[in-house]
Amino acid sequence: MFDVKIRKDQPRWVTYRDWSRQHNSDIVYVNVFGEHMVILNSLKSTAELLEKRSGNYSDRPPMYMANDLMKWEWDFVRE
């Protein structure tokens, strides 16, 4: 759909930085053949998403033993 050129003579981070500047955004999302990539190009956006908002984006597997087998209606890890 789009022609994305990645130069072989420079590190990938240079390409990612260029995409960030081209789209005027510190956060760039790329989907390459079903592989999802979120590229964070600044310390500020990295700290915001991975430190301050990590609870929004982290996921824990379901606790089958605690919830289903023991008939608990709540999840004490997520409460």
N, C-alpha and C. Protein backbone atom coordinates (compact mmCIF):
# COMPACT_ATOMS: atom_id res chain seq x y z
N MET A 1 0.82 -1.18 0.00
CA MET A 1 0.00 0.00 0.00
C MET A 1 0.88 1.25 0.00
N PHE A 2 1.86 1.29 0.88
CA PHE A 2 2.78 2.42 0.94
C PHE A 2 4.18 1.93 0.65
N ASP A 3 4.95 2.76 0.01
CA ASP A 3 6.33 2.41 -0.27
C ASP A 3 7.21 3.00 0.82
N VAL A 4 7.70 2.14 1.69
CA VAL A 4 8.55 2.57 2.79
C VAL A 4 9.97 2.14 2.47
N LYS A 5 10.85 3.10 2.41
CA LYS A 5 12.23 2.80 2.10
C LYS A 5 13.08 2.93 3.35
N ILE A 6 13.80 1.86 3.65
CA ILE A 6 14.73 1.86 4.77
C ILE A 6 16.12 1.70 4.20
N ARG A 7 16.95 2.66 4.45
CA ARG A 7 18.30 2.63 3.91
C ARG A 7 19.16 1.64 4.69
N LYS A 8 19.94 0.88 3.95
CA LYS A 8 20.80 -0.13 4.57
C LYS A 8 22.11 0.46 5.09
N ASP A 9 22.46 1.67 4.63
CA ASP A 9 23.74 2.26 5.01
C ASP A 9 23.68 3.10 6.29
N GLN A 10 22.53 3.11 6.95
CA GLN A 10 22.39 3.86 8.20
C GLN A 10 21.64 3.02 9.22
N PRO A 11 21.84 3.30 10.49
CA PRO A 11 21.12 2.55 11.53
C PRO A 11 19.61 2.77 11.43
N ARG A 12 18.83 1.81 11.90
CA ARG A 12 17.37 1.92 11.83
C ARG A 12 16.84 3.10 12.63
N TRP A 13 17.50 3.42 13.74
CA TRP A 13 17.00 4.52 14.57
C TRP A 13 17.00 5.83 13.80
N VAL A 14 17.89 5.98 12.84
CA VAL A 14 17.91 7.20 12.02
C VAL A 14 16.65 7.25 11.17
N THR A 15 16.25 6.13 10.60
CA THR A 15 15.01 6.07 9.83
C THR A 15 13.81 6.38 10.71
N TYR A 16 13.77 5.80 11.91
CA TYR A 16 12.66 6.05 12.82
C TYR A 16 12.61 7.53 13.22
N ARG A 17 13.76 8.13 13.45
CA ARG A 17 13.82 9.55 13.78
C ARG A 17 13.29 10.39 12.62
N ASP A 18 13.66 10.01 11.40
CA ASP A 18 13.18 10.73 10.23
C ASP A 18 11.67 10.62 10.08
N TRP A 19 11.11 9.44 10.35
CA TRP A 19 9.65 9.28 10.31
C TRP A 19 8.99 10.17 11.34
N SER A 20 9.58 10.24 12.51
CA SER A 20 9.05 11.09 13.58
C SER A 20 9.01 12.54 13.15
N ARG A 21 10.07 12.98 12.54
CA ARG A 21 10.13 14.37 12.07
C ARG A 21 9.18 14.61 10.91
N GLN A 22 9.09 13.65 10.00
CA GLN A 22 8.22 13.78 8.83
C GLN A 22 6.75 13.90 9.24
N HIS A 23 6.35 13.15 10.26
CA HIS A 23 4.95 13.14 10.70
C HIS A 23 4.71 14.05 11.90
N ASN A 24 5.75 14.75 12.33
CA ASN A 24 5.65 15.70 13.44
C ASN A 24 5.03 15.06 14.69
N SER A 25 5.56 13.88 15.04
CA SER A 25 5.05 13.16 16.19
C SER A 25 6.17 12.37 16.84
N ASP A 26 6.19 12.34 18.17
CA ASP A 26 7.18 11.54 18.89
C ASP A 26 6.82 10.06 18.90
N ILE A 27 5.56 9.76 18.59
CA ILE A 27 5.08 8.38 18.60
C ILE A 27 4.66 7.99 17.20
N VAL A 28 5.25 6.92 16.68
CA VAL A 28 4.94 6.44 15.34
C VAL A 28 4.50 4.99 15.44
N TYR A 29 3.37 4.67 14.81
CA TYR A 29 2.87 3.29 14.78
C TYR A 29 3.07 2.74 13.38
N VAL A 30 3.60 1.51 13.32
CA VAL A 30 3.84 0.85 12.04
C VAL A 30 3.31 -0.58 12.13
N ASN A 31 2.61 -1.01 11.10
CA ASN A 31 2.14 -2.39 11.00
C ASN A 31 2.79 -3.00 9.76
N VAL A 32 3.74 -3.90 9.99
CA VAL A 32 4.47 -4.52 8.89
C VAL A 32 4.13 -6.00 8.86
N PHE A 33 3.37 -6.41 7.87
CA PHE A 33 2.96 -7.81 7.71
C PHE A 33 2.36 -8.37 8.99
N GLY A 34 1.50 -7.60 9.62
CA GLY A 34 0.82 -8.04 10.83
C GLY A 34 1.61 -7.86 12.11
N GLU A 35 2.83 -7.41 12.02
CA GLU A 35 3.66 -7.15 13.20
C GLU A 35 3.46 -5.69 13.61
N HIS A 36 2.93 -5.47 14.80
CA HIS A 36 2.64 -4.13 15.29
C HIS A 36 3.87 -3.55 15.98
N MET A 37 4.23 -2.34 15.62
CA MET A 37 5.37 -1.67 16.24
C MET A 37 4.97 -0.27 16.65
N VAL A 38 5.27 0.10 17.87
CA VAL A 38 5.11 1.47 18.33
C VAL A 38 6.51 2.00 18.58
N ILE A 39 6.86 3.06 17.87
CA ILE A 39 8.20 3.62 17.95
C ILE A 39 8.10 4.92 18.75
N LEU A 40 8.84 4.98 19.85
CA LEU A 40 8.86 6.16 20.71
C LEU A 40 10.16 6.89 20.47
N ASN A 41 10.06 8.14 20.04
CA ASN A 41 11.24 8.89 19.60
C ASN A 41 11.68 9.99 20.54
N SER A 42 11.17 10.02 21.75
CA SER A 42 11.63 11.03 22.70
C SER A 42 11.57 10.47 24.12
N LEU A 43 12.41 10.98 24.96
CA LEU A 43 12.41 10.55 26.36
C LEU A 43 11.09 10.92 27.03
N LYS A 44 10.55 12.07 26.68
CA LYS A 44 9.30 12.53 27.28
C LYS A 44 8.14 11.57 26.96
N SER A 45 7.97 11.21 25.69
CA SER A 45 6.88 10.30 25.33
C SER A 45 7.12 8.90 25.89
N THR A 46 8.36 8.47 25.95
CA THR A 46 8.69 7.17 26.51
C THR A 46 8.34 7.11 27.99
N ALA A 47 8.74 8.13 28.74
CA ALA A 47 8.43 8.18 30.17
C ALA A 47 6.93 8.26 30.40
N GLU A 48 6.24 9.04 29.59
CA GLU A 48 4.79 9.20 29.74
C GLU A 48 4.07 7.87 29.56
N LEU A 49 4.42 7.14 28.51
CA LEU A 49 3.70 5.90 28.22
C LEU A 49 4.16 4.71 29.05
N LEU A 50 5.45 4.58 29.26
CA LEU A 50 5.96 3.37 29.92
C LEU A 50 6.08 3.50 31.43
N GLU A 51 6.16 4.70 31.95
CA GLU A 51 6.25 4.87 33.40
C GLU A 51 4.92 5.35 33.99
N LYS A 52 4.42 6.46 33.50
CA LYS A 52 3.22 7.05 34.10
C LYS A 52 1.95 6.29 33.75
N ARG A 53 1.85 5.77 32.53
CA ARG A 53 0.63 5.10 32.09
C ARG A 53 0.80 3.60 31.91
N SER A 54 1.78 3.02 32.51
CA SER A 54 2.06 1.60 32.29
C SER A 54 0.88 0.71 32.71
N GLY A 55 0.14 1.12 33.71
CA GLY A 55 -1.01 0.35 34.14
C GLY A 55 -2.10 0.26 33.09
N ASN A 56 -2.19 1.26 32.22
CA ASN A 56 -3.19 1.24 31.16
C ASN A 56 -2.83 0.24 30.06
N TYR A 57 -1.55 0.02 29.85
CA TYR A 57 -1.11 -0.76 28.71
C TYR A 57 -0.59 -2.14 29.08
N SER A 58 -0.39 -2.41 30.35
CA SER A 58 0.08 -3.74 30.74
C SER A 58 -1.12 -4.66 30.88
N ASP A 59 -0.91 -5.90 30.60
CA ASP A 59 -1.99 -6.87 30.67
C ASP A 59 -1.50 -8.07 31.46
N ARG A 60 -2.36 -8.59 32.27
CA ARG A 60 -2.02 -9.76 33.06
C ARG A 60 -2.89 -10.92 32.59
N PRO A 61 -2.34 -12.12 32.62
CA PRO A 61 -3.16 -13.27 32.24
C PRO A 61 -4.25 -13.50 33.28
N PRO A 62 -5.36 -14.07 32.86
CA PRO A 62 -6.43 -14.34 33.82
C PRO A 62 -5.98 -15.33 34.89
N MET A 63 -6.49 -15.14 36.09
CA MET A 63 -6.14 -16.02 37.20
C MET A 63 -7.24 -17.07 37.34
N TYR A 64 -7.14 -18.14 36.57
CA TYR A 64 -8.18 -19.15 36.55
C TYR A 64 -8.37 -19.81 37.91
N MET A 65 -7.29 -20.10 38.58
CA MET A 65 -7.39 -20.77 39.88
C MET A 65 -8.16 -19.91 40.87
N ALA A 66 -7.81 -18.66 40.96
CA ALA A 66 -8.45 -17.77 41.94
C ALA A 66 -9.87 -17.42 41.53
N ASN A 67 -10.10 -17.17 40.26
CA ASN A 67 -11.41 -16.69 39.83
C ASN A 67 -12.42 -17.80 39.57
N ASP A 68 -12.04 -18.78 38.79
CA ASP A 68 -13.01 -19.79 38.37
C ASP A 68 -13.11 -20.97 39.34
N LEU A 69 -11.99 -21.53 39.68
CA LEU A 69 -12.02 -22.73 40.51
C LEU A 69 -12.44 -22.43 41.95
N MET A 70 -12.07 -21.27 42.45
CA MET A 70 -12.40 -20.93 43.83
C MET A 70 -13.66 -20.08 43.92
N LYS A 71 -14.28 -19.83 42.77
CA LYS A 71 -15.55 -19.08 42.69
C LYS A 71 -15.44 -17.65 43.22
N TRP A 72 -14.26 -17.05 43.04
CA TRP A 72 -14.12 -15.65 43.42
C TRP A 72 -14.68 -14.79 42.30
N GLU A 73 -15.45 -13.80 42.64
CA GLU A 73 -16.07 -12.92 41.65
C GLU A 73 -15.21 -11.71 41.32
N TRP A 74 -14.15 -11.51 42.06
CA TRP A 74 -13.30 -10.34 41.84
C TRP A 74 -11.87 -10.78 41.66
N ASP A 75 -11.09 -9.91 41.11
CA ASP A 75 -9.67 -10.19 40.86
C ASP A 75 -8.86 -9.29 41.77
N PHE A 76 -8.26 -9.86 42.82
CA PHE A 76 -7.57 -9.04 43.80
C PHE A 76 -6.33 -8.35 43.24
N VAL A 77 -5.76 -8.85 42.16
CA VAL A 77 -4.59 -8.21 41.56
C VAL A 77 -5.00 -6.93 40.84
N ARG A 78 -6.15 -6.94 40.22
CA ARG A 78 -6.60 -5.79 39.43
C ARG A 78 -7.45 -4.82 40.23
N GLU A 79 -7.91 -5.20 41.40
CA GLU A 79 -8.77 -4.32 42.19
C GLU A 79 -7.98 -3.26 42.89
